[in-house]
Amino acid sequence: MGTTTNFDLPYPESSSTPNGPAQIKALAEAVDNLLIPLDAPAEFASNLEVVGNLGVQGDTFVEALEATSVTTTNLEATNVTVGSQDWTGEWMDFDPNWTSASGASPDIGNGTLTARYMQLGKTVFFNIYLAGGSTTVWGGGFWQFSLPVQANNSFTAACSYRDNSIPLNVAGSADIRNNPGGTNAIIRSNVPTGAAVSNTIPFTWATADTYKVTGVYEAA
């Protein structure tokens, strides 16, 4: 029996004793040993070169590369960036640190302060909601809120404020910036006139007044 150059598949030569069933069986078994079932763990060969697009069915490409069932030796990819970020798109809670730039510090007391965020790669989506309670302390200077992920640069978000006693709704903007010496970005809110939001701006805050901010920024 002869064998092929690349995969050593057996085949009958002209000098071989004719035995069709045995020779076909030998070829079938050799082919069967080379095939990997599609649902079985895969192992990349060393020096694997992929030309064109590499598709991964089922798992994401990131999961496929990180899975323990996938081993790589000298795997080289061009123009592919794989990071540790969560690409599932799941929203998660975070605890914003509410502070004043000067004066007395605010305290949520029996009010409500909630926040959510989602990170896709370098893009961070977030929202913060604050509702004052009867024991909420509104601080003595303009407000700052920490964000879940450090920002790469300065960005602008949208926010709104509600004076529940009138009622009055005020729209504003919020500046996202790096926090010097800290680990998180911070957000500072402004009213349409450009004044920073504080315990008395855009109105004197009280029970049931609310603050909302939502935005998108690039992570560092």
N, C-alpha and C. Protein backbone atom coordinates (compact mmCIF):
# COMPACT_ATOMS: atom_id res chain seq x y z
N MET A 1 0.85 -1.20 0.00
CA MET A 1 0.00 0.00 0.00
C MET A 1 0.89 1.25 0.00
N GLY A 2 0.49 2.21 -0.82
CA GLY A 2 1.15 3.49 -0.79
C GLY A 2 0.40 4.46 0.11
N THR A 3 0.99 5.59 0.39
CA THR A 3 0.34 6.62 1.20
C THR A 3 0.50 7.98 0.53
N THR A 4 -0.48 8.86 0.77
CA THR A 4 -0.43 10.20 0.20
C THR A 4 0.62 11.04 0.91
N THR A 5 1.06 12.11 0.24
CA THR A 5 2.16 12.93 0.75
C THR A 5 1.79 13.70 2.00
N ASN A 6 0.61 14.34 2.01
CA ASN A 6 0.26 15.27 3.09
C ASN A 6 -0.33 14.59 4.32
N PHE A 7 -1.22 13.63 4.13
CA PHE A 7 -1.95 13.06 5.26
C PHE A 7 -1.74 11.56 5.44
N ASP A 8 -0.83 10.98 4.67
CA ASP A 8 -0.53 9.55 4.81
C ASP A 8 -1.77 8.67 4.65
N LEU A 9 -2.64 9.04 3.74
CA LEU A 9 -3.81 8.22 3.47
C LEU A 9 -3.40 7.03 2.59
N PRO A 10 -3.82 5.82 2.97
CA PRO A 10 -3.39 4.63 2.22
C PRO A 10 -4.16 4.48 0.90
N TYR A 11 -3.45 3.92 -0.08
CA TYR A 11 -4.10 3.61 -1.35
C TYR A 11 -3.36 2.42 -1.98
N PRO A 12 -4.07 1.62 -2.77
CA PRO A 12 -3.42 0.46 -3.39
C PRO A 12 -2.53 0.88 -4.55
N GLU A 13 -1.34 0.34 -4.58
CA GLU A 13 -0.44 0.56 -5.71
C GLU A 13 -0.65 -0.55 -6.74
N SER A 14 -0.02 -0.36 -7.90
CA SER A 14 -0.19 -1.36 -8.96
C SER A 14 0.36 -2.71 -8.57
N SER A 15 1.33 -2.70 -7.66
CA SER A 15 1.93 -3.97 -7.22
C SER A 15 1.19 -4.60 -6.04
N SER A 16 0.19 -3.89 -5.49
CA SER A 16 -0.53 -4.40 -4.32
C SER A 16 -1.43 -5.56 -4.71
N THR A 17 -1.59 -6.50 -3.77
CA THR A 17 -2.52 -7.60 -3.98
C THR A 17 -3.94 -7.05 -3.93
N PRO A 18 -4.73 -7.28 -4.96
CA PRO A 18 -6.10 -6.73 -4.97
C PRO A 18 -6.91 -7.24 -3.79
N ASN A 19 -7.47 -6.31 -3.02
CA ASN A 19 -8.38 -6.65 -1.92
C ASN A 19 -9.23 -5.41 -1.64
N GLY A 20 -10.23 -5.20 -2.48
CA GLY A 20 -11.04 -3.98 -2.41
C GLY A 20 -11.60 -3.66 -1.05
N PRO A 21 -12.33 -4.59 -0.39
CA PRO A 21 -12.93 -4.26 0.91
C PRO A 21 -11.89 -3.85 1.96
N ALA A 22 -10.77 -4.56 2.03
CA ALA A 22 -9.76 -4.24 3.04
C ALA A 22 -9.10 -2.90 2.75
N GLN A 23 -8.84 -2.64 1.47
CA GLN A 23 -8.19 -1.38 1.11
C GLN A 23 -9.10 -0.17 1.33
N ILE A 24 -10.39 -0.33 1.01
CA ILE A 24 -11.36 0.75 1.26
C ILE A 24 -11.52 0.99 2.76
N LYS A 25 -11.54 -0.10 3.55
CA LYS A 25 -11.66 0.04 5.00
C LYS A 25 -10.46 0.79 5.58
N ALA A 26 -9.26 0.45 5.09
CA ALA A 26 -8.06 1.13 5.59
C ALA A 26 -8.10 2.62 5.27
N LEU A 27 -8.57 2.95 4.08
CA LEU A 27 -8.68 4.37 3.72
C LEU A 27 -9.73 5.08 4.58
N ALA A 28 -10.87 4.43 4.80
CA ALA A 28 -11.94 5.04 5.60
C ALA A 28 -11.49 5.28 7.03
N GLU A 29 -10.77 4.31 7.61
CA GLU A 29 -10.29 4.48 8.99
C GLU A 29 -9.26 5.60 9.09
N ALA A 30 -8.42 5.73 8.08
CA ALA A 30 -7.44 6.81 8.09
C ALA A 30 -8.10 8.18 8.00
N VAL A 31 -9.12 8.29 7.14
CA VAL A 31 -9.86 9.54 7.02
C VAL A 31 -10.60 9.85 8.31
N ASP A 32 -11.20 8.83 8.91
CA ASP A 32 -11.96 9.01 10.15
C ASP A 32 -11.07 9.54 11.27
N ASN A 33 -9.84 9.08 11.33
CA ASN A 33 -8.92 9.55 12.37
C ASN A 33 -8.50 11.00 12.17
N LEU A 34 -8.59 11.49 10.93
CA LEU A 34 -8.19 12.87 10.65
C LEU A 34 -9.30 13.87 10.94
N LEU A 35 -10.54 13.40 10.88
CA LEU A 35 -11.68 14.32 11.04
C LEU A 35 -11.94 14.57 12.51
N ILE A 36 -12.25 15.84 12.85
CA ILE A 36 -12.63 16.22 14.21
C ILE A 36 -14.10 16.57 14.19
N PRO A 37 -14.93 15.91 14.99
CA PRO A 37 -16.36 16.26 15.01
C PRO A 37 -16.55 17.74 15.31
N LEU A 38 -17.55 18.35 14.70
CA LEU A 38 -17.76 19.79 14.85
C LEU A 38 -18.08 20.17 16.29
N ASP A 39 -18.66 19.25 17.06
CA ASP A 39 -19.02 19.58 18.44
C ASP A 39 -17.95 19.17 19.44
N ALA A 40 -16.79 18.72 18.96
CA ALA A 40 -15.73 18.30 19.87
C ALA A 40 -14.76 19.44 20.09
N PRO A 41 -14.03 19.45 21.23
CA PRO A 41 -13.01 20.48 21.44
C PRO A 41 -12.00 20.48 20.32
N ALA A 42 -11.58 21.68 19.94
CA ALA A 42 -10.65 21.81 18.82
C ALA A 42 -9.29 22.25 19.33
N GLU A 43 -8.24 21.76 18.70
CA GLU A 43 -6.88 22.17 19.03
C GLU A 43 -6.23 22.71 17.77
N PHE A 44 -5.77 23.96 17.84
CA PHE A 44 -5.11 24.55 16.70
C PHE A 44 -3.73 23.92 16.52
N ALA A 45 -3.38 23.66 15.29
CA ALA A 45 -2.03 23.18 15.00
C ALA A 45 -1.04 24.32 15.16
N SER A 46 0.23 23.97 15.37
CA SER A 46 1.24 25.02 15.48
C SER A 46 1.41 25.72 14.15
N ASN A 47 1.74 27.02 14.24
CA ASN A 47 1.95 27.85 13.05
C ASN A 47 0.72 27.87 12.14
N LEU A 48 -0.46 27.95 12.76
CA LEU A 48 -1.69 28.01 11.98
C LEU A 48 -1.83 29.38 11.35
N GLU A 49 -2.07 29.43 10.08
CA GLU A 49 -2.27 30.69 9.37
C GLU A 49 -3.67 30.70 8.79
N VAL A 50 -4.44 31.74 9.13
CA VAL A 50 -5.80 31.88 8.64
C VAL A 50 -5.81 32.99 7.61
N VAL A 51 -6.24 32.68 6.41
CA VAL A 51 -6.33 33.66 5.34
C VAL A 51 -7.80 33.98 5.12
N GLY A 52 -8.17 35.25 5.19
CA GLY A 52 -9.57 35.64 5.07
C GLY A 52 -10.19 35.79 6.43
N ASN A 53 -11.45 35.39 6.58
CA ASN A 53 -12.18 35.56 7.84
C ASN A 53 -12.24 34.25 8.60
N LEU A 54 -12.06 34.32 9.90
CA LEU A 54 -12.19 33.16 10.77
C LEU A 54 -13.52 33.25 11.49
N GLY A 55 -14.38 32.28 11.29
CA GLY A 55 -15.68 32.26 11.94
C GLY A 55 -15.72 31.23 13.04
N VAL A 56 -16.33 31.57 14.15
CA VAL A 56 -16.48 30.64 15.26
C VAL A 56 -17.96 30.47 15.51
N GLN A 57 -18.45 29.25 15.39
CA GLN A 57 -19.88 28.99 15.56
C GLN A 57 -20.16 28.61 17.00
N GLY A 58 -21.22 29.16 17.55
CA GLY A 58 -21.57 28.88 18.93
C GLY A 58 -20.95 29.89 19.86
N ASP A 59 -19.74 29.62 20.34
CA ASP A 59 -19.04 30.55 21.21
C ASP A 59 -18.58 31.77 20.43
N THR A 60 -18.40 32.88 21.14
CA THR A 60 -17.80 34.04 20.51
C THR A 60 -16.32 33.78 20.27
N PHE A 61 -15.71 34.61 19.44
CA PHE A 61 -14.28 34.44 19.15
C PHE A 61 -13.46 34.58 20.42
N VAL A 62 -13.86 35.54 21.28
CA VAL A 62 -13.13 35.74 22.53
C VAL A 62 -13.23 34.50 23.40
N GLU A 63 -14.45 33.93 23.52
CA GLU A 63 -14.63 32.74 24.34
C GLU A 63 -13.85 31.56 23.77
N ALA A 64 -13.83 31.46 22.45
CA ALA A 64 -13.11 30.36 21.81
C ALA A 64 -11.62 30.41 22.11
N LEU A 65 -11.05 31.62 22.05
CA LEU A 65 -9.62 31.74 22.32
C LEU A 65 -9.29 31.51 23.79
N GLU A 66 -10.23 31.88 24.68
CA GLU A 66 -9.95 31.78 26.10
C GLU A 66 -10.37 30.44 26.69
N ALA A 67 -11.12 29.64 25.94
CA ALA A 67 -11.61 28.37 26.46
C ALA A 67 -10.44 27.42 26.70
N THR A 68 -10.57 26.61 27.74
CA THR A 68 -9.49 25.67 28.04
C THR A 68 -9.41 24.57 27.01
N SER A 69 -10.48 24.36 26.23
CA SER A 69 -10.47 23.32 25.22
C SER A 69 -9.76 23.75 23.94
N VAL A 70 -9.35 25.00 23.87
CA VAL A 70 -8.66 25.50 22.68
C VAL A 70 -7.23 25.82 23.07
N THR A 71 -6.29 25.19 22.41
CA THR A 71 -4.89 25.48 22.67
C THR A 71 -4.28 26.12 21.44
N THR A 72 -3.35 27.03 21.67
CA THR A 72 -2.73 27.74 20.55
C THR A 72 -1.22 27.69 20.70
N THR A 73 -0.55 27.41 19.62
CA THR A 73 0.91 27.46 19.57
C THR A 73 1.30 28.27 18.35
N ASN A 74 1.95 29.38 18.59
CA ASN A 74 2.36 30.26 17.49
C ASN A 74 1.16 30.68 16.64
N LEU A 75 0.04 30.97 17.28
CA LEU A 75 -1.12 31.47 16.56
C LEU A 75 -0.93 32.95 16.30
N GLU A 76 -0.94 33.34 15.07
CA GLU A 76 -0.72 34.73 14.71
C GLU A 76 -1.96 35.26 14.01
N ALA A 77 -2.48 36.38 14.52
CA ALA A 77 -3.64 37.02 13.90
C ALA A 77 -3.27 38.45 13.56
N THR A 78 -3.72 38.91 12.43
CA THR A 78 -3.43 40.26 11.98
C THR A 78 -4.66 41.13 12.14
N ASN A 79 -4.48 42.33 12.74
CA ASN A 79 -5.57 43.29 12.92
C ASN A 79 -6.72 42.72 13.74
N VAL A 80 -6.40 41.94 14.77
CA VAL A 80 -7.42 41.41 15.66
C VAL A 80 -7.04 41.82 17.08
N THR A 81 -7.97 42.45 17.78
CA THR A 81 -7.73 42.84 19.16
C THR A 81 -8.71 42.09 20.06
N VAL A 82 -8.21 41.35 20.99
CA VAL A 82 -9.04 40.59 21.92
C VAL A 82 -8.67 41.04 23.32
N GLY A 83 -9.62 41.60 24.04
CA GLY A 83 -9.36 42.07 25.39
C GLY A 83 -10.12 41.27 26.42
N SER A 84 -10.07 41.74 27.66
CA SER A 84 -10.73 41.04 28.75
C SER A 84 -12.12 41.59 29.04
N GLN A 85 -12.60 42.52 28.21
CA GLN A 85 -13.88 43.14 28.48
C GLN A 85 -15.03 42.15 28.33
N ASP A 86 -16.10 42.45 29.04
CA ASP A 86 -17.31 41.65 28.94
C ASP A 86 -18.12 42.13 27.75
N TRP A 87 -18.33 41.25 26.77
CA TRP A 87 -19.05 41.62 25.55
C TRP A 87 -20.49 41.12 25.59
N THR A 88 -20.98 40.70 26.73
CA THR A 88 -22.33 40.16 26.79
C THR A 88 -23.40 41.24 26.77
N GLY A 89 -23.03 42.48 27.06
CA GLY A 89 -24.01 43.56 27.04
C GLY A 89 -24.92 43.55 28.26
N GLU A 90 -24.44 43.05 29.38
CA GLU A 90 -25.26 42.96 30.59
C GLU A 90 -25.13 44.23 31.43
N TRP A 91 -26.27 44.83 31.80
CA TRP A 91 -26.26 46.00 32.68
C TRP A 91 -26.01 45.55 34.11
N MET A 92 -25.20 46.32 34.82
CA MET A 92 -24.84 46.00 36.20
C MET A 92 -25.00 47.22 37.10
N ASP A 93 -25.25 46.98 38.37
CA ASP A 93 -25.33 48.06 39.35
C ASP A 93 -23.93 48.55 39.72
N PHE A 94 -23.83 49.82 40.08
CA PHE A 94 -22.62 50.31 40.73
C PHE A 94 -23.02 51.37 41.76
N ASP A 95 -22.14 51.62 42.71
CA ASP A 95 -22.42 52.56 43.80
C ASP A 95 -21.66 53.86 43.55
N PRO A 96 -22.34 54.89 43.08
CA PRO A 96 -21.66 56.16 42.84
C PRO A 96 -21.34 56.86 44.16
N ASN A 97 -20.19 57.45 44.23
CA ASN A 97 -19.80 58.22 45.41
C ASN A 97 -20.23 59.67 45.20
N TRP A 98 -21.18 60.14 45.98
CA TRP A 98 -21.74 61.49 45.85
C TRP A 98 -20.99 62.42 46.79
N THR A 99 -20.32 63.42 46.24
CA THR A 99 -19.53 64.34 47.05
C THR A 99 -19.77 65.78 46.61
N SER A 100 -19.28 66.72 47.42
CA SER A 100 -19.27 68.13 47.06
C SER A 100 -17.83 68.56 46.84
N ALA A 101 -17.62 69.44 45.87
CA ALA A 101 -16.27 69.92 45.59
C ALA A 101 -15.74 70.77 46.73
N SER A 102 -16.65 71.38 47.49
CA SER A 102 -16.25 72.21 48.63
C SER A 102 -17.41 72.24 49.62
N GLY A 103 -17.15 72.68 50.83
CA GLY A 103 -18.21 72.79 51.82
C GLY A 103 -18.62 71.45 52.38
N ALA A 104 -19.81 71.42 52.98
CA ALA A 104 -20.31 70.21 53.62
C ALA A 104 -20.56 69.11 52.60
N SER A 105 -20.33 67.88 53.02
CA SER A 105 -20.56 66.74 52.13
C SER A 105 -22.03 66.36 52.11
N PRO A 106 -22.56 65.95 50.96
CA PRO A 106 -23.93 65.48 50.90
C PRO A 106 -24.04 64.07 51.46
N ASP A 107 -25.24 63.68 51.81
CA ASP A 107 -25.51 62.33 52.31
C ASP A 107 -26.92 61.95 51.89
N ILE A 108 -27.08 60.79 51.29
CA ILE A 108 -28.38 60.40 50.74
C ILE A 108 -29.40 60.12 51.84
N GLY A 109 -28.96 59.76 53.06
CA GLY A 109 -29.90 59.53 54.15
C GLY A 109 -30.92 58.47 53.77
N ASN A 110 -32.22 58.79 53.95
CA ASN A 110 -33.27 57.83 53.59
C ASN A 110 -33.79 58.06 52.18
N GLY A 111 -33.05 58.80 51.39
CA GLY A 111 -33.41 58.97 49.99
C GLY A 111 -32.96 57.79 49.15
N THR A 112 -32.97 57.96 47.85
CA THR A 112 -32.60 56.90 46.91
C THR A 112 -31.47 57.36 46.01
N LEU A 113 -30.44 56.55 45.90
CA LEU A 113 -29.34 56.81 44.98
C LEU A 113 -28.97 55.49 44.32
N THR A 114 -29.33 55.34 43.05
CA THR A 114 -29.06 54.11 42.32
C THR A 114 -28.32 54.43 41.03
N ALA A 115 -27.60 53.45 40.52
CA ALA A 115 -26.84 53.65 39.28
C ALA A 115 -26.65 52.32 38.58
N ARG A 116 -26.60 52.39 37.25
CA ARG A 116 -26.39 51.19 36.42
C ARG A 116 -25.39 51.54 35.32
N TYR A 117 -24.69 50.51 34.86
CA TYR A 117 -23.78 50.75 33.73
C TYR A 117 -23.60 49.47 32.93
N MET A 118 -23.13 49.64 31.71
CA MET A 118 -22.79 48.52 30.84
C MET A 118 -21.55 48.91 30.05
N GLN A 119 -20.59 48.01 29.94
CA GLN A 119 -19.38 48.28 29.17
C GLN A 119 -19.27 47.29 28.02
N LEU A 120 -19.12 47.84 26.82
CA LEU A 120 -18.86 47.05 25.62
C LEU A 120 -17.52 47.49 25.06
N GLY A 121 -16.50 46.69 25.26
CA GLY A 121 -15.17 47.10 24.82
C GLY A 121 -14.73 48.33 25.57
N LYS A 122 -14.44 49.39 24.85
CA LYS A 122 -14.02 50.65 25.44
C LYS A 122 -15.17 51.62 25.65
N THR A 123 -16.39 51.23 25.32
CA THR A 123 -17.55 52.12 25.43
C THR A 123 -18.34 51.82 26.69
N VAL A 124 -18.59 52.86 27.50
CA VAL A 124 -19.31 52.70 28.76
C VAL A 124 -20.62 53.48 28.70
N PHE A 125 -21.73 52.80 28.97
CA PHE A 125 -23.05 53.42 29.08
C PHE A 125 -23.41 53.45 30.56
N PHE A 126 -24.03 54.53 31.03
CA PHE A 126 -24.35 54.60 32.45
C PHE A 126 -25.59 55.47 32.68
N ASN A 127 -26.20 55.29 33.84
CA ASN A 127 -27.23 56.21 34.32
C ASN A 127 -27.18 56.27 35.84
N ILE A 128 -27.55 57.43 36.38
CA ILE A 128 -27.60 57.66 37.83
C ILE A 128 -28.94 58.29 38.16
N TYR A 129 -29.55 57.83 39.23
CA TYR A 129 -30.84 58.39 39.67
C TYR A 129 -30.75 58.72 41.16
N LEU A 130 -31.15 59.94 41.51
CA LEU A 130 -31.16 60.38 42.90
C LEU A 130 -32.52 60.97 43.22
N ALA A 131 -33.10 60.53 44.33
CA ALA A 131 -34.36 61.10 44.83
C ALA A 131 -34.17 61.43 46.30
N GLY A 132 -34.45 62.68 46.67
CA GLY A 132 -34.22 63.11 48.04
C GLY A 132 -35.23 62.54 49.02
N GLY A 133 -34.76 62.25 50.22
CA GLY A 133 -35.63 61.82 51.31
C GLY A 133 -35.67 62.88 52.40
N SER A 134 -36.40 62.58 53.46
CA SER A 134 -36.57 63.56 54.53
C SER A 134 -35.27 63.79 55.31
N THR A 135 -34.34 62.84 55.26
CA THR A 135 -33.07 63.01 55.98
C THR A 135 -31.88 63.22 55.04
N THR A 136 -32.15 63.45 53.77
CA THR A 136 -31.06 63.68 52.82
C THR A 136 -30.37 65.00 53.12
N VAL A 137 -29.05 64.98 53.14
CA VAL A 137 -28.24 66.19 53.29
C VAL A 137 -27.70 66.56 51.92
N TRP A 138 -27.94 67.78 51.48
CA TRP A 138 -27.67 68.16 50.10
C TRP A 138 -26.28 68.76 49.89
N GLY A 139 -25.48 68.85 50.93
CA GLY A 139 -24.11 69.32 50.78
C GLY A 139 -24.00 70.83 50.72
N GLY A 140 -22.75 71.32 50.52
CA GLY A 140 -22.53 72.75 50.54
C GLY A 140 -21.81 73.31 49.34
N GLY A 141 -21.55 72.49 48.34
CA GLY A 141 -20.87 72.96 47.13
C GLY A 141 -21.39 72.22 45.92
N PHE A 142 -20.76 72.44 44.76
CA PHE A 142 -21.31 71.77 43.58
C PHE A 142 -20.99 70.27 43.63
N TRP A 143 -21.93 69.50 43.06
CA TRP A 143 -21.91 68.05 43.23
C TRP A 143 -20.95 67.36 42.28
N GLN A 144 -20.47 66.21 42.74
CA GLN A 144 -19.68 65.29 41.91
C GLN A 144 -20.16 63.87 42.18
N PHE A 145 -20.20 63.07 41.14
CA PHE A 145 -20.54 61.65 41.27
C PHE A 145 -19.44 60.82 40.62
N SER A 146 -19.01 59.79 41.31
CA SER A 146 -18.02 58.90 40.70
C SER A 146 -18.70 57.97 39.71
N LEU A 147 -17.94 57.53 38.72
CA LEU A 147 -18.44 56.64 37.69
C LEU A 147 -17.70 55.31 37.77
N PRO A 148 -18.24 54.26 37.17
CA PRO A 148 -17.71 52.91 37.41
C PRO A 148 -16.36 52.62 36.76
N VAL A 149 -16.04 53.33 35.68
CA VAL A 149 -14.82 53.04 34.91
C VAL A 149 -14.12 54.35 34.59
N GLN A 150 -12.81 54.36 34.71
CA GLN A 150 -12.04 55.56 34.41
C GLN A 150 -12.27 56.02 32.97
N ALA A 151 -12.45 57.32 32.77
CA ALA A 151 -12.68 57.87 31.43
C ALA A 151 -11.36 58.14 30.73
N ASN A 152 -11.36 57.99 29.42
CA ASN A 152 -10.16 58.27 28.64
C ASN A 152 -9.96 59.76 28.43
N ASN A 153 -11.06 60.51 28.42
CA ASN A 153 -10.98 61.93 28.16
C ASN A 153 -12.24 62.58 28.70
N SER A 154 -12.47 63.83 28.37
CA SER A 154 -13.67 64.53 28.82
C SER A 154 -14.81 64.31 27.83
N PHE A 155 -16.01 64.07 28.36
CA PHE A 155 -17.19 63.85 27.54
C PHE A 155 -18.36 64.58 28.18
N THR A 156 -19.44 64.74 27.42
CA THR A 156 -20.63 65.43 27.91
C THR A 156 -21.81 64.46 27.95
N ALA A 157 -22.55 64.47 29.05
CA ALA A 157 -23.74 63.65 29.22
C ALA A 157 -24.96 64.55 29.40
N ALA A 158 -26.13 63.95 29.38
CA ALA A 158 -27.39 64.69 29.56
C ALA A 158 -27.96 64.42 30.95
N CYS A 159 -28.53 65.44 31.57
CA CYS A 159 -29.13 65.26 32.88
C CYS A 159 -30.38 66.12 33.02
N SER A 160 -31.16 65.82 34.04
CA SER A 160 -32.39 66.58 34.30
C SER A 160 -32.61 66.65 35.81
N TYR A 161 -33.33 67.70 36.23
CA TYR A 161 -33.60 67.95 37.64
C TYR A 161 -35.07 68.28 37.79
N ARG A 162 -35.67 67.80 38.87
CA ARG A 162 -37.10 68.06 39.09
C ARG A 162 -37.31 68.61 40.50
N ASP A 163 -37.90 69.81 40.55
CA ASP A 163 -38.36 70.39 41.81
C ASP A 163 -39.79 69.92 42.00
N ASN A 164 -39.98 68.95 42.86
CA ASN A 164 -41.28 68.30 42.99
C ASN A 164 -42.33 69.20 43.60
N SER A 165 -41.96 70.26 44.31
CA SER A 165 -42.94 71.10 44.99
C SER A 165 -43.70 72.01 44.03
N ILE A 166 -43.16 72.28 42.83
CA ILE A 166 -43.83 73.25 41.93
C ILE A 166 -44.87 72.60 41.03
N PRO A 167 -44.63 71.56 40.27
CA PRO A 167 -43.34 70.94 39.94
C PRO A 167 -42.64 71.69 38.81
N LEU A 168 -41.30 71.55 38.77
CA LEU A 168 -40.49 72.20 37.75
C LEU A 168 -39.42 71.23 37.28
N ASN A 169 -39.32 71.06 35.96
CA ASN A 169 -38.28 70.21 35.38
C ASN A 169 -37.23 71.08 34.69
N VAL A 170 -35.97 70.81 34.94
CA VAL A 170 -34.88 71.58 34.36
C VAL A 170 -33.93 70.61 33.67
N ALA A 171 -33.60 70.89 32.42
CA ALA A 171 -32.63 70.07 31.68
C ALA A 171 -31.25 70.70 31.78
N GLY A 172 -30.24 69.88 31.77
CA GLY A 172 -28.88 70.39 31.86
C GLY A 172 -27.89 69.45 31.20
N SER A 173 -26.64 69.70 31.42
CA SER A 173 -25.57 68.86 30.89
C SER A 173 -24.66 68.45 32.02
N ALA A 174 -23.86 67.44 31.77
CA ALA A 174 -22.93 66.95 32.78
C ALA A 174 -21.58 66.69 32.13
N ASP A 175 -20.53 67.08 32.81
CA ASP A 175 -19.17 66.89 32.30
C ASP A 175 -18.56 65.64 32.90
N ILE A 176 -18.14 64.73 32.03
CA ILE A 176 -17.43 63.53 32.46
C ILE A 176 -15.94 63.79 32.29
N ARG A 177 -15.19 63.55 33.34
CA ARG A 177 -13.76 63.82 33.25
C ARG A 177 -12.99 62.85 34.14
N ASN A 178 -11.70 62.77 33.91
CA ASN A 178 -10.85 61.95 34.76
C ASN A 178 -10.79 62.56 36.15
N ASN A 179 -10.62 61.71 37.13
CA ASN A 179 -10.52 62.15 38.51
C ASN A 179 -9.04 62.15 38.91
N PRO A 180 -8.40 63.30 38.98
CA PRO A 180 -6.97 63.33 39.31
C PRO A 180 -6.70 62.66 40.65
N GLY A 181 -5.81 61.70 40.63
CA GLY A 181 -5.45 61.01 41.85
C GLY A 181 -6.42 59.93 42.25
N GLY A 182 -7.49 59.71 41.47
CA GLY A 182 -8.47 58.69 41.80
C GLY A 182 -8.50 57.59 40.77
N THR A 183 -9.33 56.60 41.03
CA THR A 183 -9.41 55.46 40.13
C THR A 183 -10.60 55.54 39.21
N ASN A 184 -11.55 56.42 39.50
CA ASN A 184 -12.77 56.50 38.70
C ASN A 184 -12.91 57.87 38.05
N ALA A 185 -13.67 57.88 36.98
CA ALA A 185 -14.08 59.16 36.41
C ALA A 185 -15.08 59.82 37.34
N ILE A 186 -15.26 61.12 37.21
CA ILE A 186 -16.28 61.83 37.96
C ILE A 186 -17.16 62.60 36.99
N ILE A 187 -18.36 62.93 37.45
CA ILE A 187 -19.28 63.70 36.63
C ILE A 187 -19.74 64.92 37.43
N ARG A 188 -19.72 66.07 36.77
CA ARG A 188 -20.18 67.32 37.38
C ARG A 188 -21.29 67.87 36.50
N SER A 189 -22.41 68.21 37.10
CA SER A 189 -23.59 68.62 36.35
C SER A 189 -23.73 70.14 36.32
N ASN A 190 -24.31 70.63 35.24
CA ASN A 190 -24.52 72.06 35.06
C ASN A 190 -25.95 72.33 34.60
N VAL A 191 -26.45 73.52 34.93
CA VAL A 191 -27.75 73.97 34.44
C VAL A 191 -27.53 74.71 33.13
N PRO A 192 -28.61 75.06 32.39
CA PRO A 192 -28.42 75.73 31.09
C PRO A 192 -27.59 77.00 31.14
N THR A 193 -27.57 77.70 32.27
CA THR A 193 -26.77 78.93 32.36
C THR A 193 -25.28 78.64 32.50
N GLY A 194 -24.94 77.38 32.74
CA GLY A 194 -23.55 77.01 32.92
C GLY A 194 -23.14 76.88 34.37
N ALA A 195 -24.01 77.27 35.30
CA ALA A 195 -23.69 77.15 36.72
C ALA A 195 -23.70 75.68 37.14
N ALA A 196 -22.79 75.33 38.03
CA ALA A 196 -22.70 73.95 38.50
C ALA A 196 -23.83 73.66 39.48
N VAL A 197 -24.37 72.46 39.42
CA VAL A 197 -25.46 72.05 40.31
C VAL A 197 -24.92 71.89 41.73
N SER A 198 -25.66 72.45 42.68
CA SER A 198 -25.27 72.37 44.09
C SER A 198 -26.53 72.25 44.93
N ASN A 199 -26.39 72.44 46.23
CA ASN A 199 -27.54 72.33 47.12
C ASN A 199 -28.58 73.42 46.89
N THR A 200 -28.20 74.51 46.19
CA THR A 200 -29.15 75.60 45.92
C THR A 200 -29.32 75.88 44.42
N ILE A 201 -28.68 75.12 43.56
CA ILE A 201 -28.76 75.34 42.11
C ILE A 201 -29.16 74.02 41.45
N PRO A 202 -30.18 74.02 40.57
CA PRO A 202 -30.93 75.16 40.02
C PRO A 202 -32.06 75.63 40.92
N PHE A 203 -32.23 74.96 42.07
CA PHE A 203 -33.22 75.36 43.08
C PHE A 203 -32.73 74.81 44.41
N THR A 204 -33.38 75.19 45.48
CA THR A 204 -33.02 74.63 46.78
C THR A 204 -33.65 73.25 46.90
N TRP A 205 -32.81 72.25 47.01
CA TRP A 205 -33.28 70.87 46.95
C TRP A 205 -33.99 70.47 48.24
N ALA A 206 -35.00 69.59 48.09
CA ALA A 206 -35.80 69.15 49.23
C ALA A 206 -36.31 67.74 48.97
N THR A 207 -37.08 67.23 49.92
CA THR A 207 -37.63 65.88 49.82
C THR A 207 -38.40 65.69 48.51
N ALA A 208 -38.20 64.54 47.86
CA ALA A 208 -38.89 64.11 46.63
C ALA A 208 -38.36 64.80 45.37
N ASP A 209 -37.42 65.73 45.51
CA ASP A 209 -36.77 66.27 44.31
C ASP A 209 -35.87 65.19 43.72
N THR A 210 -35.72 65.21 42.39
CA THR A 210 -34.97 64.14 41.73
C THR A 210 -33.91 64.69 40.78
N TYR A 211 -32.89 63.87 40.62
CA TYR A 211 -31.78 64.17 39.69
C TYR A 211 -31.55 62.92 38.86
N LYS A 212 -31.43 63.11 37.54
CA LYS A 212 -31.16 61.98 36.64
C LYS A 212 -30.06 62.38 35.67
N VAL A 213 -29.17 61.44 35.39
CA VAL A 213 -28.13 61.69 34.39
C VAL A 213 -27.89 60.39 33.63
N THR A 214 -27.68 60.51 32.34
CA THR A 214 -27.38 59.35 31.51
C THR A 214 -26.36 59.75 30.45
N GLY A 215 -25.47 58.86 30.11
CA GLY A 215 -24.45 59.22 29.14
C GLY A 215 -23.65 58.04 28.65
N VAL A 216 -22.74 58.34 27.74
CA VAL A 216 -21.84 57.36 27.13
C VAL A 216 -20.45 57.98 27.09
N TYR A 217 -19.43 57.20 27.41
CA TYR A 217 -18.08 57.74 27.31
C TYR A 217 -17.09 56.62 26.99
N GLU A 218 -15.89 57.03 26.62
CA GLU A 218 -14.83 56.08 26.28
C GLU A 218 -14.00 55.77 27.52
N ALA A 219 -13.82 54.49 27.79
CA ALA A 219 -13.01 54.08 28.93
C ALA A 219 -11.53 54.29 28.63
N ALA A 220 -10.77 54.53 29.68
CA ALA A 220 -9.32 54.71 29.52
C ALA A 220 -8.66 53.41 29.09
